[in-house]
C-alpha atoms as a PDB file:
ATOM      1  CA  MET A   1       0.000   0.000   0.000  1.00  0.00           C
ATOM      2  CA  TYR A   2       1.263   3.477  -0.865  1.00  0.00           C
ATOM      3  CA  SER A   3      -0.210   6.971  -0.294  1.00  0.00           C
ATOM      4  CA  PHE A   4       0.486  10.371  -1.821  1.00  0.00           C
ATOM      5  CA  LYS A   5      -1.135  13.822  -2.041  1.00  0.00           C
ATOM      6  CA  ALA A   6      -2.972  14.996  -5.164  1.00  0.00           C
ATOM      7  CA  LYS A   7      -5.087  17.998  -6.154  1.00  0.00           C
ATOM      8  CA  ALA A   8      -8.602  17.792  -7.661  1.00  0.00           C
ATOM      9  CA  VAL A   9      -8.780  20.016 -10.759  1.00  0.00           C
ATOM     10  CA  GLU A  10     -12.594  20.179 -10.743  1.00  0.00           C
ATOM     11  CA  ASP A  11     -15.564  19.047  -8.649  1.00  0.00           C
ATOM     12  CA  ILE A  12     -15.783  15.254  -8.934  1.00  0.00           C
ATOM     13  CA  PRO A  13     -18.686  13.223  -7.500  1.00  0.00           C
ATOM     14  CA  ALA A  14     -18.081  10.127  -5.377  1.00  0.00           C
ATOM     15  CA  ASN A  15     -17.643   6.752  -7.090  1.00  0.00           C
ATOM     16  CA  ARG A  16     -16.188   8.171 -10.287  1.00  0.00           C
ATOM     17  CA  LEU A  17     -13.207   6.916 -12.232  1.00  0.00           C
ATOM     18  CA  LEU A  18     -10.225   9.276 -12.153  1.00  0.00           C
ATOM     19  CA  ALA A  19      -7.211   9.974 -14.345  1.00  0.00           C
ATOM     20  CA  LEU A  20      -3.991  11.896 -13.898  1.00  0.00           C
ATOM     21  CA  GLY A  21      -4.157  15.478 -15.150  1.00  0.00           C
ATOM     22  CA  GLY A  22      -0.480  15.932 -16.032  1.00  0.00           C
ATOM     23  CA  ILE A  23       2.132  18.662 -15.747  1.00  0.00           C
ATOM     24  CA  ASN A  24       0.994  22.273 -16.264  1.00  0.00           C
ATOM     25  CA  TYR A  25      -2.656  21.237 -16.076  1.00  0.00           C
ATOM     26  CA  GLU A  26      -3.660  24.498 -14.380  1.00  0.00           C
ATOM     27  CA  GLY A  27      -1.532  26.697 -16.644  1.00  0.00           C
ATOM     28  CA  ASP A  28       1.368  27.130 -14.186  1.00  0.00           C
ATOM     29  CA  PRO A  29       4.393  25.218 -15.499  1.00  0.00           C
ATOM     30  CA  GLU A  30       6.237  25.585 -12.183  1.00  0.00           C
ATOM     31  CA  ALA A  31       3.405  24.109 -10.073  1.00  0.00           C
ATOM     32  CA  GLY A  32       3.017  21.138 -12.375  1.00  0.00           C
ATOM     33  CA  TRP A  33       6.392  19.617 -11.550  1.00  0.00           C
ATOM     34  CA  GLU A  34       5.520  18.998  -7.913  1.00  0.00           C
ATOM     35  CA  THR A  35       1.745  18.521  -8.179  1.00  0.00           C
ATOM     36  CA  ILE A  36      -0.218  15.401  -9.061  1.00  0.00           C
ATOM     37  CA  TYR A  37      -3.580  16.433 -10.543  1.00  0.00           C
ATOM     38  CA  LEU A  38      -6.786  14.359 -10.535  1.00  0.00           C
ATOM     39  CA  ILE A  39      -9.403  14.726 -13.261  1.00  0.00           C
ATOM     40  CA  PRO A  40     -12.482  12.663 -14.163  1.00  0.00           C
ATOM     41  CA  CYS A  41     -11.654   9.843 -16.550  1.00  0.00           C
ATOM     42  CA  ARG A  42     -12.975  10.391 -20.090  1.00  0.00           C
ATOM     43  CA  LEU A  43     -14.724   8.192 -22.644  1.00  0.00           C
ATOM     44  CA  GLY A  44     -12.696   5.096 -23.450  1.00  0.00           C
ATOM     45  CA  TRP A  45      -9.776   5.994 -21.171  1.00  0.00           C
ATOM     46  CA  ILE A  46      -8.218   3.495 -18.786  1.00  0.00           C
ATOM     47  CA  PRO A  47      -8.674   4.930 -15.266  1.00  0.00           C
ATOM     48  CA  ASP A  48      -5.851   5.409 -12.796  1.00  0.00           C
ATOM     49  CA  PHE A  49      -7.990   5.649  -9.646  1.00  0.00           C
ATOM     50  CA  VAL A  50     -11.587   5.689  -8.377  1.00  0.00           C
ATOM     51  CA  SER A  51     -13.044   8.259  -5.950  1.00  0.00           C
ATOM     52  CA  ASN A  52     -14.764   6.956  -2.841  1.00  0.00           C
ATOM     53  CA  ARG A  53     -16.120  10.379  -1.872  1.00  0.00           C
ATOM     54  CA  GLU A  54     -16.937  13.719  -3.475  1.00  0.00           C
ATOM     55  CA  LEU A  55     -13.902  15.847  -4.360  1.00  0.00           C
ATOM     56  CA  LYS A  56     -14.038  19.635  -4.598  1.00  0.00           C
ATOM     57  CA  LYS A  57     -12.114  21.739  -7.121  1.00  0.00           C
ATOM     58  CA  GLY A  58      -8.741  22.731  -5.656  1.00  0.00           C
ATOM     59  CA  GLU A  59      -8.977  20.238  -2.782  1.00  0.00           C
ATOM     60  CA  TRP A  60      -5.854  18.345  -1.772  1.00  0.00           C
ATOM     61  CA  VAL A  61      -6.571  14.678  -1.076  1.00  0.00           C
ATOM     62  CA  THR A  62      -4.620  11.638   0.001  1.00  0.00           C
ATOM     63  CA  VAL A  63      -4.657   8.910  -2.644  1.00  0.00           C
ATOM     64  CA  THR A  64      -3.981   5.400  -1.365  1.00  0.00           C
ATOM     65  CA  ILE A  65      -2.935   2.639  -3.751  1.00  0.00           C
ATOM     66  CA  LYS A  66      -4.222  -0.692  -2.417  1.00  0.00           C
ATOM     67  CA  ASN A  67      -3.638  -2.946  -5.443  1.00  0.00           C
ATOM     68  CA  ASN A  68      -7.260  -4.109  -5.295  1.00  0.00           C
ATOM     69  CA  PRO A  69      -8.532  -5.660  -8.570  1.00  0.00           C
ATOM     70  CA  ILE A  70     -12.182  -4.983  -7.564  1.00  0.00           C
ATOM     71  CA  TRP A  71     -13.378  -1.393  -7.964  1.00  0.00           C
ATOM     72  CA  GLU A  72     -16.782   0.238  -7.490  1.00  0.00           C
ATOM     73  CA  ALA A  73     -18.088   3.086  -9.653  1.00  0.00           C
ATOM     74  CA  GLU A  74     -21.395   4.694 -10.616  1.00  0.00           C
ATOM     75  CA  ALA A  75     -23.225   3.123 -13.560  1.00  0.00           C
ATOM     76  CA  ALA A  76     -24.363   5.506 -16.305  1.00  0.00           C
ATOM     77  CA  GLU A  77     -26.964   2.978 -17.497  1.00  0.00           C
ATOM     78  CA  ASP A  78     -28.606  -0.291 -16.462  1.00  0.00           C
ATOM     79  CA  LEU A  79     -25.977  -3.031 -16.599  1.00  0.00           C
ATOM     80  CA  PRO A  80     -26.496  -6.805 -16.293  1.00  0.00           C
ATOM     81  CA  ALA A  81     -23.996  -8.985 -14.414  1.00  0.00           C
ATOM     82  CA  GLY A  82     -21.039 -10.010 -16.550  1.00  0.00           C
ATOM     83  CA  THR A  83     -21.118  -6.932 -18.802  1.00  0.00           C
ATOM     84  CA  ALA A  84     -17.844  -5.689 -20.296  1.00  0.00           C
ATOM     85  CA  ILE A  85     -17.649  -2.002 -19.365  1.00  0.00           C
ATOM     86  CA  GLN A  86     -15.782   1.161 -20.205  1.00  0.00           C
ATOM     87  CA  CYS A  87     -15.496   4.677 -18.878  1.00  0.00           C
ATOM     88  CA  THR A  88     -17.960   7.405 -19.881  1.00  0.00           C
ATOM     89  CA  GLU A  89     -17.096  11.057 -20.544  1.00  0.00           C
ATOM     90  CA  ASP A  90     -17.784  11.935 -16.877  1.00  0.00           C
ATOM     91  CA  GLY A  91     -16.047   9.031 -15.125  1.00  0.00           C
ATOM     92  CA  ARG A  92     -19.000   6.651 -14.764  1.00  0.00           C
ATOM     93  CA  VAL A  93     -19.210   3.205 -16.398  1.00  0.00           C
ATOM     94  CA  LYS A  94     -21.265   1.957 -19.356  1.00  0.00           C
ATOM     95  CA  HIS A  95     -21.369  -1.137 -21.563  1.00  0.00           C
ATOM     96  CA  TYR A  96     -18.348  -1.564 -23.793  1.00  0.00           C
ATOM     97  CA  VAL A  97     -18.486  -0.221 -27.352  1.00  0.00           C
ATOM     98  CA  PRO A  98     -15.207  -0.893 -29.214  1.00  0.00           C
ATOM     99  CA  ALA A  99     -15.468   2.341 -31.219  1.00  0.00           C
ATOM    100  CA  ASP A 100     -15.468   4.317 -27.928  1.00  0.00           C
ATOM    101  CA  GLY A 101     -12.059   3.051 -26.756  1.00  0.00           C
ATOM    102  CA  ASN A 102     -10.801   0.535 -24.217  1.00  0.00           C
ATOM    103  CA  HIS A 103     -12.803  -1.701 -21.934  1.00  0.00           C
ATOM    104  CA  ILE A 104     -11.808  -1.573 -18.262  1.00  0.00           C
ATOM    105  CA  GLY A 105     -13.380  -4.703 -16.813  1.00  0.00           C
ATOM    106  CA  CYS A 106     -16.542  -6.670 -16.223  1.00  0.00           C
ATOM    107  CA  THR A 107     -19.479  -6.159 -13.837  1.00  0.00           C
ATOM    108  CA  LEU A 108     -19.872  -8.596 -10.948  1.00  0.00           C
ATOM    109  CA  HIS A 109     -23.618  -8.008 -10.475  1.00  0.00           C
ATOM    110  CA  SER A 110     -26.496  -6.217 -12.213  1.00  0.00           C
ATOM    111  CA  VAL A 111     -27.360  -2.576 -11.444  1.00  0.00           C
ATOM    112  CA  LYS A 112     -29.693   0.205 -12.478  1.00  0.00           C
ATOM    113  CA  ALA A 113     -28.407   3.532 -13.800  1.00  0.00           C
ATOM    114  CA  GLY A 114     -27.152   5.744 -10.955  1.00  0.00           C
ATOM    115  CA  GLU A 115     -26.291   2.837  -8.654  1.00  0.00           C
ATOM    116  CA  THR A 116     -22.726   1.780  -7.951  1.00  0.00           C
ATOM    117  CA  VAL A 117     -21.436  -1.410  -9.519  1.00  0.00           C
ATOM    118  CA  LYS A 118     -18.525  -3.573  -8.463  1.00  0.00           C
ATOM    119  CA  PHE A 119     -16.335  -4.737 -11.307  1.00  0.00           C
ATOM    120  CA  PHE A 120     -13.072  -6.547 -11.747  1.00  0.00           C
ATOM    121  CA  ARG A 121     -10.451  -4.628 -13.641  1.00  0.00           C
ATOM    122  CA  LYS A 122      -9.252  -6.101 -16.917  1.00  0.00           C
ATOM    123  CA  TYR A 123      -8.077  -3.480 -19.398  1.00  0.00           C
ATOM    124  CA  GLY A 124      -7.729  -3.528 -23.150  1.00  0.00           C
ATOM    125  CA  THR A 125      -9.592  -4.057 -26.347  1.00  0.00           C
ATOM    126  CA  MET A 126     -11.474  -7.191 -27.321  1.00  0.00           C
ATOM    127  CA  PRO A 127     -11.092  -9.104 -30.559  1.00  0.00           C
ATOM    128  CA  GLN A 128     -14.016  -8.401 -32.898  1.00  0.00           C
ATOM    129  CA  LYS A 129     -15.105 -12.063 -32.801  1.00  0.00           C
ATOM    130  CA  GLN A 130     -15.390 -11.954 -28.993  1.00  0.00           C
ATOM    131  CA  MET A 131     -17.407  -8.708 -29.124  1.00  0.00           C
ATOM    132  CA  GLU A 132     -19.754 -10.206 -31.742  1.00  0.00           C
ATOM    133  CA  THR A 133     -20.309 -13.230 -29.479  1.00  0.00           C
ATOM    134  CA  MET A 134     -21.023 -10.993 -26.466  1.00  0.00           C
ATOM    135  CA  SER A 135     -23.362  -8.811 -28.531  1.00  0.00           C
ATOM    136  CA  THR A 136     -25.229 -11.873 -29.805  1.00  0.00           C
ATOM    137  CA  LEU A 137     -25.642 -13.186 -26.258  1.00  0.00           C
ATOM    138  CA  GLN A 138     -26.948  -9.822 -25.053  1.00  0.00           C
ATOM    139  CA  VAL A 139     -29.410  -9.514 -27.956  1.00  0.00           C
ATOM    140  CA  THR A 140     -30.613 -13.081 -27.295  1.00  0.00           C
ATOM    141  CA  GLU A 141     -31.168 -12.263 -23.609  1.00  0.00           C
ATOM    142  CA  GLU A 142     -33.005  -9.039 -24.516  1.00  0.00           C
ATOM    143  CA  LYS A 143     -35.284 -10.987 -26.896  1.00  0.00           C
ATOM    144  CA  LYS A 144     -36.027 -13.548 -24.135  1.00  0.00           C
ATOM    145  CA  GLU A 145     -36.928 -10.739 -21.738  1.00  0.00           C
ATOM    146  CA  ALA A 146     -39.152  -9.097 -24.349  1.00  0.00           C
ATOM    147  CA  LYS A 147     -40.978 -12.417 -24.941  1.00  0.00           C
ATOM    148  CA  LYS A 148     -41.498 -12.861 -21.183  1.00  0.00           C
ATOM    149  CA  SER A 149     -42.877  -9.334 -20.947  1.00  0.00           C
ATOM    150  CA  THR A 150     -45.218  -9.917 -23.921  1.00  0.00           C
ATOM    151  CA  ARG A 151     -46.472 -13.197 -22.448  1.00  0.00           C
ATOM    152  CA  LYS A 152     -47.049 -11.555 -19.082  1.00  0.00           C
ATOM    153  CA  LYS A 153     -49.104  -8.741 -20.639  1.00  0.00           C
ATOM    154  CA  ALA A 154     -51.146 -11.204 -22.719  1.00  0.00           C
ATOM    155  CA  SER A 155     -52.049 -13.232 -19.615  1.00  0.00           C
ATOM    156  CA  GLU A 156     -52.999 -10.212 -17.479  1.00  0.00           C
END
């Protein structure tokens, strides 16, 4: 385990994926050499950290590296268990779309949009064949759910 100080560049809600801002992020080249900046992760990026509480712009925080492969972040949409996910533009998670960048892991349980989801971290891109298989499985499951819903309505 290792801890260090970092500065939030903007207001960041709890349970959001974070990235490093980089040198001279605030427009002061001198400050950037000794300052680690935190920003919300963007669409398709691989996150460096996850916030466990709200961060305010300009706030100095202690970041602790725990080497934990299980993270928890806010879901931007409903996600079933076992869904490959990626980062959204505001540091939440959504289902993986190869055109949007890298995937960051897989959900360990289902959630509704706005809830937090635990996921195991596994970064990278998926071969097209694997994505097609996953997409087919998801479409098949969606069709099954639609049939169940139709049957339920017909019997009511």
